[in-house]
Amino acid sequence: MSQIKTDNRPGYREAIDRSRDWIGGKLGAETPTGRVTITVPNYLTLGRLASVPLFLYAFYSGTMWLQIAGTLLFALAAISDLWDGKIARRLDQVTAFGDFMDPFADKVLTLSGFWAMLLREDFGQFEFISIIWVLIITLREIALTLLRVKSIQGGSSLVTSIWGKWKTGVQLTSLLFGLTAFNVRDILIGEGISISHSLTEGLFLIMTVMFFVSAATSVVSGWLYLNLGKKGSRTNK
């Protein structure tokens, strides 16, 4: 009598379930019924990250209306930063993934905006000092990200302070102003309206000042993280 062999390998449905459980474990939160689901705040965070390459493509497209769409996309991504943390706390959906990726997505979004603007536009006499301010911002964000990774590896997590939120708010406000101003300039030029050299220089001066303010708030908030972060950190159990 021949023996029937049973195939114990997981089937298609089981593989899908295991993949879903793994993704849910990384991106989700457990519901009162015990089911792990991907949270809305983490969808917003992932959407903010996904918007960066789309924004850069539109920004460098050379097409006026695509550039305007890029600015609107950047604005939506900035607005999502206001809501993902609030929703997570309100719905008790704070996750380890969100703790790290929310501020990381903010950094990727803001740095892409600063460097895209610097690399596309000719800031003239203000270019060198503007690069210095953006370099300071970049180094601060890299240092804080490495510090956050080290804290996570040590079993704790840096708490985003009010200074960090103010820093991000100042940066996003500066970038949205600059992107909008450049869009208006390009629309006027496209309509055949000449823009005086002094007006252009004034715009670059304003942007340089905004870069400086962004760099200053970055340094202050970074210093507070380094000096007060240990008091505000929490242990992940």
Protein backbone atom coordinates (compact mmCIF):
# COMPACT_ATOMS: atom_id res chain seq x y z
CA MET A 1 0.00 0.00 0.00
CA SER A 2 1.50 3.33 -1.03
CA GLN A 3 2.00 5.99 1.60
CA ILE A 4 0.57 9.44 0.93
CA LYS A 5 2.99 12.22 1.79
CA THR A 6 1.61 15.37 3.31
CA ASP A 7 3.07 18.70 2.17
CA ASN A 8 3.66 20.62 5.39
CA ARG A 9 5.04 23.70 3.68
CA PRO A 10 3.00 26.86 4.34
CA GLY A 11 0.55 27.59 1.57
CA TYR A 12 -0.09 30.81 -0.23
CA ARG A 13 -2.63 32.01 2.33
CA GLU A 14 -0.37 31.19 5.26
CA ALA A 15 2.53 33.07 3.63
CA ILE A 16 0.35 36.13 3.13
CA ASP A 17 -0.80 35.96 6.77
CA ARG A 18 2.77 35.71 8.03
CA SER A 19 3.84 38.67 5.88
CA ARG A 20 0.88 40.69 7.10
CA ASP A 21 1.67 39.86 10.72
CA TRP A 22 5.31 40.92 10.24
CA ILE A 23 4.35 44.21 8.60
CA GLY A 24 1.68 44.83 11.22
CA GLY A 25 4.19 44.15 13.96
CA LYS A 26 6.46 46.84 12.55
CA LEU A 27 3.92 49.44 11.48
CA GLY A 28 0.88 48.66 13.57
CA ALA A 29 -0.72 48.73 16.96
CA GLU A 30 -2.75 46.06 18.73
CA THR A 31 -6.49 46.62 18.87
CA PRO A 32 -8.63 45.74 21.94
CA THR A 33 -9.53 42.45 20.20
CA GLY A 34 -5.86 41.50 19.90
CA ARG A 35 -5.53 42.12 16.18
CA VAL A 36 -2.50 44.04 14.91
CA THR A 37 -3.36 46.66 12.29
CA ILE A 38 -1.28 49.24 10.46
CA THR A 39 -2.06 52.63 11.95
CA VAL A 40 -3.25 55.75 10.15
CA PRO A 41 -0.40 57.86 11.62
CA ASN A 42 2.15 55.48 10.13
CA TYR A 43 0.41 55.66 6.76
CA LEU A 44 0.78 59.45 6.96
CA THR A 45 4.47 59.13 7.84
CA LEU A 46 5.12 56.76 4.93
CA GLY A 47 3.17 59.09 2.65
CA ARG A 48 5.38 61.99 3.73
CA LEU A 49 8.49 60.01 2.82
CA ALA A 50 6.99 58.96 -0.52
CA SER A 51 6.19 62.59 -1.36
CA VAL A 52 9.86 63.62 -1.33
CA PRO A 53 10.93 62.10 -4.71
CA LEU A 54 7.68 63.33 -6.28
CA PHE A 55 8.32 66.84 -4.96
CA LEU A 56 11.92 66.81 -6.27
CA TYR A 57 10.77 65.62 -9.69
CA ALA A 58 8.20 68.41 -9.91
CA PHE A 59 10.60 71.02 -8.54
CA TYR A 60 13.22 70.27 -11.21
CA SER A 61 10.75 69.58 -14.03
CA GLY A 62 11.14 73.00 -15.60
CA THR A 63 7.36 73.07 -16.09
CA MET A 64 5.63 75.85 -14.21
CA TRP A 65 2.45 73.96 -13.36
CA LEU A 66 4.36 70.89 -12.23
CA GLN A 67 6.44 73.10 -9.96
CA ILE A 68 3.27 74.56 -8.47
CA ALA A 69 1.95 71.03 -7.95
CA GLY A 70 5.24 70.19 -6.22
CA THR A 71 4.76 73.10 -3.83
CA LEU A 72 1.20 71.96 -3.06
CA LEU A 73 2.49 68.42 -2.45
CA PHE A 74 5.15 69.78 -0.12
CA ALA A 75 2.47 71.74 1.75
CA LEU A 76 0.32 68.61 2.16
CA ALA A 77 3.33 66.69 3.45
CA ALA A 78 4.00 69.49 5.95
CA ILE A 79 0.37 69.41 7.10
CA SER A 80 0.58 65.63 7.60
CA ASP A 81 3.39 66.27 10.08
CA LEU A 82 0.94 68.22 12.22
CA TRP A 83 -1.53 65.36 12.39
CA ASP A 84 0.25 62.00 12.53
CA GLY A 85 1.56 62.49 16.06
CA LYS A 86 -1.73 63.95 17.33
CA ILE A 87 -3.73 61.08 15.84
CA ALA A 88 -1.33 58.49 17.26
CA ARG A 89 -1.64 59.89 20.78
CA ARG A 90 -5.41 60.46 20.57
CA LEU A 91 -6.08 56.91 19.34
CA ASP A 92 -3.39 55.37 21.56
CA GLN A 93 -1.55 54.14 18.45
CA VAL A 94 2.00 55.16 19.35
CA THR A 95 4.42 52.63 17.84
CA ALA A 96 8.20 52.16 17.87
CA PHE A 97 8.16 52.61 14.10
CA GLY A 98 6.34 55.93 14.39
CA ASP A 99 8.62 57.13 17.20
CA PHE A 100 11.61 56.88 14.88
CA MET A 101 10.18 57.38 11.40
CA ASP A 102 8.02 60.44 12.16
CA PRO A 103 10.98 62.74 12.99
CA PHE A 104 13.10 60.99 10.35
CA ALA A 105 10.49 61.76 7.67
CA ASP A 106 10.45 65.39 8.82
CA LYS A 107 14.21 65.59 8.39
CA VAL A 108 14.14 64.03 4.91
CA LEU A 109 11.36 66.41 3.83
CA THR A 110 12.99 69.59 5.14
CA LEU A 111 16.51 68.76 3.96
CA SER A 112 15.23 67.93 0.47
CA GLY A 113 13.51 71.32 0.36
CA PHE A 114 16.57 73.28 1.54
CA TRP A 115 19.05 71.59 -0.79
CA ALA A 116 16.71 71.55 -3.79
CA MET A 117 16.22 75.28 -3.46
CA LEU A 118 19.94 75.96 -3.08
CA LEU A 119 20.95 73.76 -6.01
CA ARG A 120 18.33 75.09 -8.44
CA GLU A 121 18.39 78.78 -7.63
CA ASP A 122 21.31 81.19 -8.01
CA PHE A 123 21.50 83.03 -4.70
CA GLY A 124 24.29 85.25 -6.04
CA GLN A 125 26.15 87.10 -3.28
CA PHE A 126 24.08 85.26 -0.65
CA GLU A 127 24.86 81.78 -1.94
CA PHE A 128 27.92 80.99 0.19
CA ILE A 129 26.37 82.07 3.49
CA SER A 130 23.12 80.28 2.61
CA ILE A 131 25.07 77.05 2.03
CA ILE A 132 26.69 77.49 5.47
CA TRP A 133 23.30 77.77 7.19
CA VAL A 134 21.91 74.73 5.37
CA LEU A 135 25.07 72.73 6.15
CA ILE A 136 24.56 73.50 9.85
CA ILE A 137 20.96 72.30 9.60
CA THR A 138 22.07 69.14 7.78
CA LEU A 139 24.79 68.27 10.28
CA ARG A 140 22.39 68.82 13.16
CA GLU A 141 19.79 66.49 11.65
CA ILE A 142 22.37 63.78 10.95
CA ALA A 143 23.76 64.04 14.50
CA LEU A 144 20.31 63.85 16.12
CA THR A 145 19.32 60.89 13.94
CA LEU A 146 22.47 59.00 14.99
CA LEU A 147 21.75 59.90 18.63
CA ARG A 148 18.20 58.62 18.27
CA VAL A 149 19.45 55.34 16.77
CA LYS A 150 21.93 54.95 19.62
CA SER A 151 19.19 55.60 22.19
CA ILE A 152 16.94 52.98 20.58
CA GLN A 153 19.78 50.46 20.61
CA GLY A 154 20.22 51.22 24.31
CA GLY A 155 16.57 50.52 25.00
CA SER A 156 15.33 54.09 25.29
CA SER A 157 13.80 56.68 22.99
CA LEU A 158 14.37 60.41 22.65
CA VAL A 159 11.22 62.38 23.30
CA THR A 160 10.50 65.07 20.72
CA SER A 161 10.49 68.28 22.73
CA ILE A 162 8.57 71.48 22.12
CA TRP A 163 11.83 72.97 20.83
CA GLY A 164 12.11 70.24 18.22
CA LYS A 165 8.55 70.93 17.10
CA TRP A 166 9.24 74.66 16.90
CA LYS A 167 12.38 73.94 14.90
CA THR A 168 10.45 71.85 12.38
CA GLY A 169 7.71 74.49 12.21
CA VAL A 170 10.19 77.27 11.48
CA GLN A 171 11.92 75.20 8.79
CA LEU A 172 8.70 74.20 7.04
CA THR A 173 7.38 77.78 7.17
CA SER A 174 10.62 79.07 5.62
CA LEU A 175 10.51 76.45 2.87
CA LEU A 176 6.84 77.00 2.04
CA PHE A 177 7.43 80.74 1.82
CA GLY A 178 10.40 80.24 -0.50
CA LEU A 179 8.67 77.70 -2.73
CA THR A 180 5.58 79.88 -3.03
CA ALA A 181 7.65 83.00 -3.75
CA PHE A 182 9.58 81.24 -6.51
CA ASN A 183 6.32 79.95 -7.99
CA VAL A 184 4.91 83.49 -8.07
CA ARG A 185 8.11 84.78 -9.66
CA ASP A 186 8.00 82.08 -12.34
CA ILE A 187 4.31 82.76 -13.06
CA LEU A 188 5.01 86.48 -13.52
CA ILE A 189 7.95 85.77 -15.81
CA GLY A 190 5.80 83.31 -17.77
CA GLU A 191 3.22 86.05 -18.26
CA GLY A 192 5.88 88.34 -19.66
CA ILE A 193 6.17 90.52 -16.56
CA SER A 194 9.77 91.52 -15.93
CA ILE A 195 11.18 91.15 -12.41
CA SER A 196 13.70 93.75 -11.36
CA HIS A 197 17.14 92.70 -10.17
CA SER A 198 16.62 94.44 -6.83
CA LEU A 199 13.40 92.52 -6.22
CA THR A 200 15.13 89.23 -6.98
CA GLU A 201 18.02 90.12 -4.69
CA GLY A 202 15.53 91.07 -1.98
CA LEU A 203 13.89 87.64 -2.25
CA PHE A 204 17.22 85.87 -1.92
CA LEU A 205 18.10 88.06 1.07
CA ILE A 206 14.84 87.13 2.79
CA MET A 207 15.48 83.44 2.10
CA THR A 208 19.02 83.74 3.48
CA VAL A 209 17.64 85.27 6.68
CA MET A 210 15.07 82.46 6.92
CA PHE A 211 17.85 79.91 6.43
CA PHE A 212 19.73 81.57 9.30
CA VAL A 213 16.68 81.48 11.59
CA SER A 214 16.15 77.82 10.69
CA ALA A 215 19.80 77.05 11.46
CA ALA A 216 19.63 78.95 14.77
CA THR A 217 16.55 77.05 15.95
CA SER A 218 18.24 73.81 14.85
CA VAL A 219 21.30 74.55 16.96
CA VAL A 220 19.25 75.60 20.01
CA SER A 221 16.95 72.56 19.87
CA GLY A 222 19.94 70.26 19.25
CA TRP A 223 21.76 71.68 22.25
CA LEU A 224 18.68 71.16 24.43
CA TYR A 225 18.39 67.57 23.20
CA LEU A 226 22.00 66.86 24.14
CA ASN A 227 21.71 68.51 27.57
CA LEU A 228 18.14 67.67 28.54
CA GLY A 229 17.43 64.58 26.43
CA LYS A 230 18.48 62.12 29.12
CA LYS A 231 16.02 63.65 31.58
CA GLY A 232 13.19 63.41 29.06
CA SER A 233 14.01 60.00 27.57
CA ARG A 234 11.85 57.01 28.30
CA THR A 235 12.64 53.35 28.39
CA ASN A 236 10.89 51.10 25.91
CA LYS A 237 9.50 48.08 27.78
